[in-house]
């Protein structure tokens, strides 16, 4: 199976937090993101189709972890949405369907993002619950990849119509590092008019041959 996303195994990382003790919860959350990012780096080395070698991972850059970018979104399902072809950076098209519309508040304003499912992936046992959230924001071309960034979610994370979106976990597609991959281009409707200063930044090195 071709690699559609940069890092699908992120789905197995638990997003549950311990809220009983605020200080403990904050430390637990920060530690979870630190571990998440380390796993992200490690997987470049393990993945056979990775654009990076071990020494390249030293040039991966991330924004400081900010809990304000962990938001709860109301997810309105769109079960009757038609399938469509999402363009990729290679020029190829991949078939998706809209799973729902996520509405959330950030920096005092309301925003919306469409959440998608890859039609081919959800037919497999491994990724049947996978949700794909590609987006652009006002940091693109400046401190983040011009082609947008991705988030991986799961249908199992939807509770009573609410899903947690953590922009501290957003990551670059493989195309941010090297050409030759079919990375989905975020649809126009997922262009946020706000700076998402969270998650992965521009790669700070030159990819090894």
Protein backbone atom coordinates (compact mmCIF):
# COMPACT_ATOMS: atom_id res chain seq x y z
CA UNK A 1 0.00 0.00 0.00
CA UNK A 2 1.41 3.40 -0.95
CA UNK A 3 2.03 5.84 1.85
CA UNK A 4 -0.75 8.41 1.66
CA UNK A 5 0.02 10.28 4.83
CA UNK A 6 3.23 11.22 6.52
CA UNK A 7 2.63 9.27 9.66
CA UNK A 8 -0.53 7.22 10.11
CA UNK A 9 0.60 5.25 13.23
CA UNK A 10 0.01 8.41 15.31
CA UNK A 11 -3.54 7.14 15.62
CA UNK A 12 -2.51 4.74 18.36
CA UNK A 13 -1.28 7.49 20.68
CA UNK A 14 -3.76 8.14 23.47
CA UNK A 15 -5.09 11.69 23.77
CA UNK A 16 -6.65 11.18 27.19
CA UNK A 17 -5.62 13.66 29.89
CA UNK A 18 -5.79 13.56 33.68
CA UNK A 19 -7.81 16.61 34.70
CA UNK A 20 -8.11 15.96 38.43
CA UNK A 21 -4.83 17.76 39.21
CA UNK A 22 -4.23 20.74 36.83
CA UNK A 23 -0.47 20.83 37.40
CA UNK A 24 -0.17 17.09 36.97
CA UNK A 25 -2.37 17.23 33.87
CA UNK A 26 -0.23 19.96 32.34
CA UNK A 27 2.97 17.99 32.92
CA UNK A 28 1.35 14.82 31.61
CA UNK A 29 0.21 16.66 28.51
CA UNK A 30 3.59 18.26 27.81
CA UNK A 31 5.34 14.94 28.31
CA UNK A 32 2.91 13.25 25.92
CA UNK A 33 3.69 15.74 23.15
CA UNK A 34 7.44 15.41 23.74
CA UNK A 35 7.09 11.63 23.45
CA UNK A 36 4.86 12.04 20.41
CA UNK A 37 7.48 14.12 18.61
CA UNK A 38 10.24 11.69 19.47
CA UNK A 39 8.20 8.85 18.02
CA UNK A 40 7.60 11.00 14.94
CA UNK A 41 11.37 11.36 14.45
CA UNK A 42 12.01 7.69 15.09
CA UNK A 43 9.50 6.65 12.46
CA UNK A 44 11.38 8.48 9.72
CA UNK A 45 14.19 6.04 10.34
CA UNK A 46 11.95 2.96 10.42
CA UNK A 47 9.78 3.82 7.39
CA UNK A 48 11.22 2.34 4.18
CA UNK A 49 9.80 5.13 1.98
CA UNK A 50 10.87 7.96 4.29
CA UNK A 51 12.48 11.02 2.66
CA UNK A 52 14.80 11.45 5.67
CA UNK A 53 17.74 9.55 7.06
CA UNK A 54 18.64 9.40 10.74
CA UNK A 55 21.00 12.39 10.57
CA UNK A 56 18.32 14.49 8.83
CA UNK A 57 15.96 14.25 11.79
CA UNK A 58 18.21 16.64 13.73
CA UNK A 59 16.86 19.40 11.44
CA UNK A 60 13.18 18.82 12.22
CA UNK A 61 11.73 21.89 13.93
CA UNK A 62 8.58 22.41 16.01
CA UNK A 63 6.83 25.30 17.68
CA UNK A 64 6.91 25.38 21.49
CA UNK A 65 4.09 23.29 22.94
CA UNK A 66 1.09 25.50 23.69
CA UNK A 67 -2.03 24.04 25.23
CA UNK A 68 -4.20 26.79 23.71
CA UNK A 69 -3.88 24.87 20.44
CA UNK A 70 -5.57 21.83 21.97
CA UNK A 71 -9.22 22.49 21.16
CA UNK A 72 -12.54 20.71 21.41
CA UNK A 73 -14.53 20.80 18.21
CA UNK A 74 -18.17 20.09 17.52
CA UNK A 75 -18.22 17.56 14.70
CA UNK A 76 -21.29 17.59 12.46
CA UNK A 77 -21.31 14.37 10.45
CA UNK A 78 -21.98 14.46 6.70
CA UNK A 79 -22.92 10.85 5.86
CA UNK A 80 -24.42 11.81 2.48
CA UNK A 81 -21.31 13.59 1.23
CA UNK A 82 -20.21 12.46 -2.22
CA UNK A 83 -16.74 11.14 -2.95
CA UNK A 84 -14.34 13.45 -4.78
CA UNK A 85 -10.81 13.52 -6.12
CA UNK A 86 -8.33 15.39 -3.91
CA UNK A 87 -5.34 16.74 -5.81
CA UNK A 88 -1.80 15.85 -4.72
CA UNK A 89 1.56 17.53 -5.23
CA UNK A 90 2.57 14.86 -7.75
CA UNK A 91 -0.43 15.64 -9.94
CA UNK A 92 -2.16 12.39 -9.13
CA UNK A 93 -5.61 12.32 -7.54
CA UNK A 94 -6.82 10.37 -4.54
CA UNK A 95 -10.43 9.60 -3.72
CA UNK A 96 -11.85 11.04 -0.50
CA UNK A 97 -15.19 11.74 1.10
CA UNK A 98 -16.08 14.34 3.68
CA UNK A 99 -16.76 12.70 7.03
CA UNK A 100 -17.86 15.82 8.85
CA UNK A 101 -17.47 19.52 9.61
CA UNK A 102 -15.50 20.45 12.73
CA UNK A 103 -16.34 23.78 14.40
CA UNK A 104 -14.06 25.11 17.12
CA UNK A 105 -12.97 28.29 18.85
CA UNK A 106 -9.38 29.55 18.76
CA UNK A 107 -8.09 32.90 20.00
CA UNK A 108 -11.65 34.01 20.66
CA UNK A 109 -12.97 33.31 17.15
CA UNK A 110 -14.88 30.43 15.61
CA UNK A 111 -13.39 28.41 12.77
CA UNK A 112 -14.40 25.42 10.69
CA UNK A 113 -12.46 22.62 9.06
CA UNK A 114 -13.70 19.74 6.98
CA UNK A 115 -12.58 16.27 8.07
CA UNK A 116 -12.10 13.60 5.43
CA UNK A 117 -11.74 9.87 4.90
CA UNK A 118 -9.58 8.27 2.23
CA UNK A 119 -11.98 5.94 0.43
CA UNK A 120 -9.34 3.29 -0.22
CA UNK A 121 -7.83 3.38 3.26
CA UNK A 122 -11.08 2.99 5.16
CA UNK A 123 -11.71 -0.27 3.32
CA UNK A 124 -8.74 -1.78 5.16
CA UNK A 125 -8.84 -3.19 8.67
CA UNK A 126 -5.88 -1.10 9.85
CA UNK A 127 -7.22 2.30 8.83
CA UNK A 128 -10.99 1.79 8.81
CA UNK A 129 -11.41 4.44 11.54
CA UNK A 130 -8.86 6.90 10.19
CA UNK A 131 -9.81 10.55 9.68
CA UNK A 132 -7.68 13.00 7.73
CA UNK A 133 -7.52 16.72 8.49
CA UNK A 134 -5.34 18.70 6.05
CA UNK A 135 -5.20 22.48 6.40
CA UNK A 136 -3.44 25.70 5.47
CA UNK A 137 -3.00 28.71 7.71
CA UNK A 138 -1.33 32.12 7.76
CA UNK A 139 2.07 30.76 8.84
CA UNK A 140 2.52 28.99 5.47
CA UNK A 141 5.43 30.32 3.38
CA UNK A 142 6.86 31.97 6.50
CA UNK A 143 7.53 29.50 9.30
CA UNK A 144 5.66 26.45 8.00
CA UNK A 145 5.49 24.46 4.77
CA UNK A 146 3.74 26.32 1.97
CA UNK A 147 1.74 23.25 0.99
CA UNK A 148 -0.02 22.99 4.34
CA UNK A 149 0.10 20.52 7.19
CA UNK A 150 -1.81 17.42 8.30
CA UNK A 151 -3.51 15.98 11.36
CA UNK A 152 -4.60 12.36 11.84
CA UNK A 153 -7.74 11.67 13.85
CA UNK A 154 -9.99 8.68 14.44
CA UNK A 155 -13.72 8.05 14.39
CA UNK A 156 -13.21 6.39 17.78
CA UNK A 157 -12.20 9.77 19.24
CA UNK A 158 -15.64 11.27 18.56
CA UNK A 159 -17.59 11.42 21.82
CA UNK A 160 -21.14 12.82 21.87
CA UNK A 161 -20.49 14.80 18.71
CA UNK A 162 -17.23 16.28 20.05
CA UNK A 163 -13.70 15.57 18.87
CA UNK A 164 -10.39 16.82 20.24
CA UNK A 165 -8.09 18.57 17.74
CA UNK A 166 -4.51 19.10 18.85
CA UNK A 167 -2.57 21.38 16.52
CA UNK A 168 0.57 20.64 18.53
CA UNK A 169 0.51 17.33 16.66
CA UNK A 170 0.18 18.70 13.13
CA UNK A 171 2.97 17.59 10.81
CA UNK A 172 4.44 18.13 7.37
CA UNK A 173 3.72 15.85 4.42
CA UNK A 174 6.67 14.04 2.88
CA UNK A 175 6.58 16.58 0.04
CA UNK A 176 7.89 19.21 2.45
CA UNK A 177 11.21 17.35 2.42
CA UNK A 178 11.58 15.84 -1.03
CA UNK A 179 9.75 15.56 -4.36
CA UNK A 180 8.33 12.32 -5.67
CA UNK A 181 5.47 11.73 -3.22
CA UNK A 182 1.72 12.01 -3.77
CA UNK A 183 0.85 14.29 -0.86
CA UNK A 184 -2.76 15.53 -0.73
CA UNK A 185 -3.18 19.28 -1.17
CA UNK A 186 -5.54 20.74 1.47
CA UNK A 187 -8.82 21.78 -0.19
CA UNK A 188 -9.54 25.51 -0.44
CA UNK A 189 -12.26 25.27 2.21
CA UNK A 190 -9.64 24.21 4.78
CA UNK A 191 -7.61 27.42 4.58
CA UNK A 192 -7.67 28.99 8.02
CA UNK A 193 -7.39 32.77 8.27
CA UNK A 194 -5.38 32.57 11.46
CA UNK A 195 -1.79 31.75 12.41
CA UNK A 196 -1.50 28.21 13.77
CA UNK A 197 1.79 28.60 15.61
CA UNK A 198 1.84 25.00 16.75
CA UNK A 199 3.15 21.69 15.52
CA UNK A 200 5.84 21.21 12.88
CA UNK A 201 7.71 24.10 11.28
CA UNK A 202 9.83 24.31 8.14
CA UNK A 203 12.61 21.78 7.82
CA UNK A 204 15.88 23.47 8.83
CA UNK A 205 18.31 21.37 6.81
CA UNK A 206 18.98 19.90 3.40
CA UNK A 207 17.80 16.35 2.82
CA UNK A 208 20.57 13.81 2.31
CA UNK A 209 20.74 11.99 -1.02
